Amino acid sequence: MTITSKNTIKIIFICMGNICRSPSAEAVMQALVKQQGMMEKEIICDSAGTLDYHRGKPADARMQKHARLRGYELNSISRPFENDDFELFDWIITMDEDNYQQIKWFDQSNNYTDKIRRMTDFCSSSQVSEVPDPYYGGDQGFENVLDLLEDACQGLLEFVSHKKP
């Protein structure tokens, strides 16, 4: 992770395996931050999974292919969400209801409730309740994920630029 200041906003994106949706959200958000002319150290992004099945692996090749077609590079390596992440990150953004509930369950003491949000809460063009897992689908599923993430990340960037937890 990059050196941070107390003004740095730290966001972690969460999906189940950390090989499709959350690394894509991380890449889309990083691209938006750069596009807006913000310094890399102003907003730092990471991603993790609620399961560690894919630990140490790169993003799914199909997700990488579709992301690359839009100019995004998925460079993160899969890792599981860890309890320290509650303290390290200002915002914990989940891709679907299952992962939202899992992260809430990890927060047994309810100390971090205000940090945990659903990705789709930040969508402005789409009215959906989750970013669906494209893993078992075809090309359109990966494209749909990127469409939703581009919409939601724009809304998230606006939100975090005006509010710190």
C-alpha atoms as a PDB file:
ATOM      1  CA  MET A   1       0.000   0.000   0.000  1.00  0.00           C
ATOM      2  CA  THR A   2       1.136   3.578  -0.721  1.00  0.00           C
ATOM      3  CA  ILE A   3       2.305   5.920   2.045  1.00  0.00           C
ATOM      4  CA  THR A   4      -0.746   7.762   3.330  1.00  0.00           C
ATOM      5  CA  SER A   5      -1.568  10.920   5.216  1.00  0.00           C
ATOM      6  CA  LYS A   6      -4.427  11.410   7.652  1.00  0.00           C
ATOM      7  CA  ASN A   7      -6.400  12.975   4.775  1.00  0.00           C
ATOM      8  CA  THR A   8      -6.068   9.886   2.596  1.00  0.00           C
ATOM      9  CA  ILE A   9      -9.342   8.085   1.927  1.00  0.00           C
ATOM     10  CA  LYS A  10      -8.922   4.311   1.961  1.00  0.00           C
ATOM     11  CA  ILE A  11     -11.506   2.092   0.265  1.00  0.00           C
ATOM     12  CA  ILE A  12     -11.646  -1.697   0.112  1.00  0.00           C
ATOM     13  CA  PHE A  13     -13.963  -3.469  -2.314  1.00  0.00           C
ATOM     14  CA  ILE A  14     -15.350  -6.869  -1.310  1.00  0.00           C
ATOM     15  CA  CYS A  15     -16.748  -9.795  -3.278  1.00  0.00           C
ATOM     16  CA  MET A  16     -16.691 -13.516  -2.619  1.00  0.00           C
ATOM     17  CA  GLY A  17     -13.473 -14.708  -4.248  1.00  0.00           C
ATOM     18  CA  ASN A  18     -11.727 -11.423  -5.070  1.00  0.00           C
ATOM     19  CA  ILE A  19     -11.098 -12.415  -8.689  1.00  0.00           C
ATOM     20  CA  CYS A  20     -13.884 -10.692 -10.668  1.00  0.00           C
ATOM     21  CA  ARG A  21     -15.986  -7.918  -9.158  1.00  0.00           C
ATOM     22  CA  SER A  22     -13.860  -6.457  -6.373  1.00  0.00           C
ATOM     23  CA  PRO A  23     -10.582  -6.241  -8.344  1.00  0.00           C
ATOM     24  CA  SER A  24     -12.574  -4.659 -11.169  1.00  0.00           C
ATOM     25  CA  ALA A  25     -14.083  -2.107  -8.793  1.00  0.00           C
ATOM     26  CA  GLU A  26     -10.583  -1.361  -7.499  1.00  0.00           C
ATOM     27  CA  ALA A  27      -9.279  -0.778 -11.049  1.00  0.00           C
ATOM     28  CA  VAL A  28     -12.273   1.316 -12.144  1.00  0.00           C
ATOM     29  CA  MET A  29     -12.010   3.500  -9.033  1.00  0.00           C
ATOM     30  CA  GLN A  30      -8.260   3.971  -9.448  1.00  0.00           C
ATOM     31  CA  ALA A  31      -8.805   5.005 -13.070  1.00  0.00           C
ATOM     32  CA  LEU A  32     -11.494   7.514 -12.033  1.00  0.00           C
ATOM     33  CA  VAL A  33      -9.257   8.978  -9.343  1.00  0.00           C
ATOM     34  CA  LYS A  34      -6.499   9.453 -11.902  1.00  0.00           C
ATOM     35  CA  GLN A  35      -8.946  10.810 -14.507  1.00  0.00           C
ATOM     36  CA  GLN A  36     -10.210  13.403 -12.002  1.00  0.00           C
ATOM     37  CA  GLY A  37      -6.635  14.603 -11.523  1.00  0.00           C
ATOM     38  CA  MET A  38      -6.460  13.415  -7.949  1.00  0.00           C
ATOM     39  CA  MET A  39      -3.211  12.209  -6.532  1.00  0.00           C
ATOM     40  CA  GLU A  40      -2.856   8.468  -5.956  1.00  0.00           C
ATOM     41  CA  LYS A  41      -2.289   9.130  -2.261  1.00  0.00           C
ATOM     42  CA  GLU A  42      -5.608  11.010  -1.891  1.00  0.00           C
ATOM     43  CA  ILE A  43      -7.700   7.879  -2.429  1.00  0.00           C
ATOM     44  CA  ILE A  44      -6.211   4.434  -2.024  1.00  0.00           C
ATOM     45  CA  CYS A  45      -8.101   1.347  -3.162  1.00  0.00           C
ATOM     46  CA  ASP A  46      -7.733  -2.325  -2.403  1.00  0.00           C
ATOM     47  CA  SER A  47      -9.914  -5.391  -2.756  1.00  0.00           C
ATOM     48  CA  ALA A  48     -10.512  -8.629  -0.892  1.00  0.00           C
ATOM     49  CA  GLY A  49     -12.825 -11.618  -0.755  1.00  0.00           C
ATOM     50  CA  THR A  50     -15.001 -13.029   1.975  1.00  0.00           C
ATOM     51  CA  LEU A  51     -13.519 -16.437   1.124  1.00  0.00           C
ATOM     52  CA  ASP A  52      -9.844 -17.246   0.642  1.00  0.00           C
ATOM     53  CA  TYR A  53     -10.325 -19.898  -2.030  1.00  0.00           C
ATOM     54  CA  HIS A  54      -8.405 -17.888  -4.667  1.00  0.00           C
ATOM     55  CA  ARG A  55      -5.766 -16.446  -2.314  1.00  0.00           C
ATOM     56  CA  GLY A  56      -2.616 -15.401  -4.190  1.00  0.00           C
ATOM     57  CA  LYS A  57      -4.185 -15.633  -7.648  1.00  0.00           C
ATOM     58  CA  PRO A  58      -4.670 -12.845 -10.184  1.00  0.00           C
ATOM     59  CA  ALA A  59      -8.100 -11.758 -11.395  1.00  0.00           C
ATOM     60  CA  ASP A  60     -10.088 -14.143 -13.576  1.00  0.00           C
ATOM     61  CA  ALA A  61      -8.694 -14.081 -17.142  1.00  0.00           C
ATOM     62  CA  ARG A  62     -12.128 -13.369 -18.622  1.00  0.00           C
ATOM     63  CA  MET A  63     -12.635 -10.403 -16.298  1.00  0.00           C
ATOM     64  CA  GLN A  64      -9.154  -9.144 -17.161  1.00  0.00           C
ATOM     65  CA  LYS A  65      -9.945  -9.397 -20.869  1.00  0.00           C
ATOM     66  CA  HIS A  66     -13.160  -7.394 -20.619  1.00  0.00           C
ATOM     67  CA  ALA A  67     -11.589  -4.826 -18.299  1.00  0.00           C
ATOM     68  CA  ARG A  68      -8.612  -4.383 -20.621  1.00  0.00           C
ATOM     69  CA  LEU A  69     -10.987  -3.650 -23.526  1.00  0.00           C
ATOM     70  CA  ARG A  70     -12.168  -0.648 -21.504  1.00  0.00           C
ATOM     71  CA  GLY A  71      -8.668   0.437 -20.537  1.00  0.00           C
ATOM     72  CA  TYR A  72      -8.515  -1.030 -17.025  1.00  0.00           C
ATOM     73  CA  GLU A  73      -5.679  -3.196 -15.746  1.00  0.00           C
ATOM     74  CA  LEU A  74      -6.563  -5.642 -12.997  1.00  0.00           C
ATOM     75  CA  ASN A  75      -3.274  -5.882 -11.124  1.00  0.00           C
ATOM     76  CA  SER A  76      -4.419  -6.966  -7.695  1.00  0.00           C
ATOM     77  CA  ILE A  77      -3.801 -10.412  -6.274  1.00  0.00           C
ATOM     78  CA  SER A  78      -6.635 -12.159  -4.461  1.00  0.00           C
ATOM     79  CA  ARG A  79      -6.641 -12.094  -0.701  1.00  0.00           C
ATOM     80  CA  PRO A  80      -9.249 -12.647   1.986  1.00  0.00           C
ATOM     81  CA  PHE A  81     -10.732  -9.837   4.062  1.00  0.00           C
ATOM     82  CA  GLU A  82      -9.014  -9.691   7.444  1.00  0.00           C
ATOM     83  CA  ASN A  83     -10.143  -8.167  10.721  1.00  0.00           C
ATOM     84  CA  ASP A  84      -7.372  -5.551  10.493  1.00  0.00           C
ATOM     85  CA  ASP A  85      -9.087  -4.237   7.354  1.00  0.00           C
ATOM     86  CA  PHE A  86     -11.832  -2.777   9.550  1.00  0.00           C
ATOM     87  CA  GLU A  87      -9.262  -0.393  11.022  1.00  0.00           C
ATOM     88  CA  LEU A  88      -7.168   0.112   7.900  1.00  0.00           C
ATOM     89  CA  PHE A  89      -9.994   1.248   5.607  1.00  0.00           C
ATOM     90  CA  ASP A  90     -12.422   4.146   5.815  1.00  0.00           C
ATOM     91  CA  TRP A  91     -14.967   2.472   3.543  1.00  0.00           C
ATOM     92  CA  ILE A  92     -15.775  -1.211   3.050  1.00  0.00           C
ATOM     93  CA  ILE A  93     -17.799  -1.600  -0.142  1.00  0.00           C
ATOM     94  CA  THR A  94     -19.517  -4.916  -0.875  1.00  0.00           C
ATOM     95  CA  MET A  95     -20.726  -6.177  -4.245  1.00  0.00           C
ATOM     96  CA  ASP A  96     -23.855  -8.043  -3.164  1.00  0.00           C
ATOM     97  CA  GLU A  97     -26.098  -8.812  -0.216  1.00  0.00           C
ATOM     98  CA  ASP A  98     -24.338 -12.071   0.702  1.00  0.00           C
ATOM     99  CA  ASN A  99     -20.988 -10.338   1.001  1.00  0.00           C
ATOM    100  CA  TYR A 100     -22.561  -7.379   2.811  1.00  0.00           C
ATOM    101  CA  GLN A 101     -24.021  -9.750   5.405  1.00  0.00           C
ATOM    102  CA  GLN A 102     -20.734 -11.661   5.674  1.00  0.00           C
ATOM    103  CA  ILE A 103     -18.761  -8.472   6.395  1.00  0.00           C
ATOM    104  CA  LYS A 104     -21.413  -7.389   8.901  1.00  0.00           C
ATOM    105  CA  TRP A 105     -21.076 -10.816  10.537  1.00  0.00           C
ATOM    106  CA  PHE A 106     -17.266 -10.376  10.739  1.00  0.00           C
ATOM    107  CA  ASP A 107     -17.989  -7.128  12.644  1.00  0.00           C
ATOM    108  CA  GLN A 108     -19.349  -9.002  15.672  1.00  0.00           C
ATOM    109  CA  SER A 109     -19.129  -5.932  17.918  1.00  0.00           C
ATOM    110  CA  ASN A 110     -20.834  -3.624  15.392  1.00  0.00           C
ATOM    111  CA  ASN A 111     -17.971  -1.157  15.679  1.00  0.00           C
ATOM    112  CA  TYR A 112     -17.677  -0.569  11.925  1.00  0.00           C
ATOM    113  CA  THR A 113     -21.293  -0.494  10.743  1.00  0.00           C
ATOM    114  CA  ASP A 114     -20.988   3.068   9.383  1.00  0.00           C
ATOM    115  CA  LYS A 115     -18.089   2.038   7.119  1.00  0.00           C
ATOM    116  CA  ILE A 116     -19.842  -0.888   5.422  1.00  0.00           C
ATOM    117  CA  ARG A 117     -21.809  -0.057   2.283  1.00  0.00           C
ATOM    118  CA  ARG A 118     -23.240  -1.781  -0.778  1.00  0.00           C
ATOM    119  CA  MET A 119     -21.642  -0.871  -4.115  1.00  0.00           C
ATOM    120  CA  THR A 120     -24.995  -0.401  -5.782  1.00  0.00           C
ATOM    121  CA  ASP A 121     -25.969   2.280  -3.237  1.00  0.00           C
ATOM    122  CA  PHE A 122     -23.797   4.571  -5.345  1.00  0.00           C
ATOM    123  CA  CYS A 123     -25.340   3.792  -8.747  1.00  0.00           C
ATOM    124  CA  SER A 124     -27.121   6.669 -10.438  1.00  0.00           C
ATOM    125  CA  SER A 125     -27.935   5.204 -13.869  1.00  0.00           C
ATOM    126  CA  SER A 126     -28.885   1.704 -12.765  1.00  0.00           C
ATOM    127  CA  GLN A 127     -31.477   0.665 -10.213  1.00  0.00           C
ATOM    128  CA  VAL A 128     -30.095  -2.688  -9.082  1.00  0.00           C
ATOM    129  CA  SER A 129     -29.565  -4.278  -5.687  1.00  0.00           C
ATOM    130  CA  GLU A 130     -26.235  -5.990  -6.409  1.00  0.00           C
ATOM    131  CA  VAL A 131     -23.315  -6.331  -8.766  1.00  0.00           C
ATOM    132  CA  PRO A 132     -23.979  -9.909  -9.954  1.00  0.00           C
ATOM    133  CA  ASP A 133     -21.212 -12.484  -9.947  1.00  0.00           C
ATOM    134  CA  PRO A 134     -20.217 -13.084 -13.598  1.00  0.00           C
ATOM    135  CA  TYR A 135     -18.068 -16.142 -12.864  1.00  0.00           C
ATOM    136  CA  TYR A 136     -20.450 -18.791 -14.237  1.00  0.00           C
ATOM    137  CA  GLY A 137     -21.870 -16.699 -17.069  1.00  0.00           C
ATOM    138  CA  GLY A 138     -20.804 -15.531 -20.468  1.00  0.00           C
ATOM    139  CA  ASP A 139     -19.270 -12.365 -21.880  1.00  0.00           C
ATOM    140  CA  GLN A 140     -22.349 -10.240 -21.209  1.00  0.00           C
ATOM    141  CA  GLY A 141     -22.047 -10.894 -17.480  1.00  0.00           C
ATOM    142  CA  PHE A 142     -18.545  -9.401 -17.385  1.00  0.00           C
ATOM    143  CA  GLU A 143     -19.679  -6.423 -19.448  1.00  0.00           C
ATOM    144  CA  ASN A 144     -22.645  -5.884 -17.136  1.00  0.00           C
ATOM    145  CA  VAL A 145     -20.340  -5.904 -14.108  1.00  0.00           C
ATOM    146  CA  LEU A 146     -18.145  -3.227 -15.686  1.00  0.00           C
ATOM    147  CA  ASP A 147     -21.173  -1.116 -16.640  1.00  0.00           C
ATOM    148  CA  LEU A 148     -22.449  -1.229 -13.059  1.00  0.00           C
ATOM    149  CA  LEU A 149     -19.025  -0.547 -11.571  1.00  0.00           C
ATOM    150  CA  GLU A 150     -18.388   2.446 -13.815  1.00  0.00           C
ATOM    151  CA  ASP A 151     -21.714   3.926 -12.689  1.00  0.00           C
ATOM    152  CA  ALA A 152     -21.274   3.083  -8.999  1.00  0.00           C
ATOM    153  CA  CYS A 153     -17.625   4.149  -8.775  1.00  0.00           C
ATOM    154  CA  GLN A 154     -18.523   7.576 -10.131  1.00  0.00           C
ATOM    155  CA  GLY A 155     -21.141   7.937  -7.400  1.00  0.00           C
ATOM    156  CA  LEU A 156     -18.778   6.564  -4.768  1.00  0.00           C
ATOM    157  CA  LEU A 157     -16.043   8.999  -5.776  1.00  0.00           C
ATOM    158  CA  GLU A 158     -18.462  11.906  -5.417  1.00  0.00           C
ATOM    159  CA  PHE A 159     -19.599  10.574  -2.039  1.00  0.00           C
ATOM    160  CA  VAL A 160     -16.151  10.032  -0.506  1.00  0.00           C
ATOM    161  CA  SER A 161     -14.856  13.333  -1.889  1.00  0.00           C
ATOM    162  CA  HIS A 162     -17.437  15.110   0.275  1.00  0.00           C
ATOM    163  CA  LYS A 163     -17.519  12.888   3.327  1.00  0.00           C
ATOM    164  CA  LYS A 164     -15.053  11.113   5.571  1.00  0.00           C
ATOM    165  CA  PRO A 165     -16.303   8.521   8.078  1.00  0.00           C
END
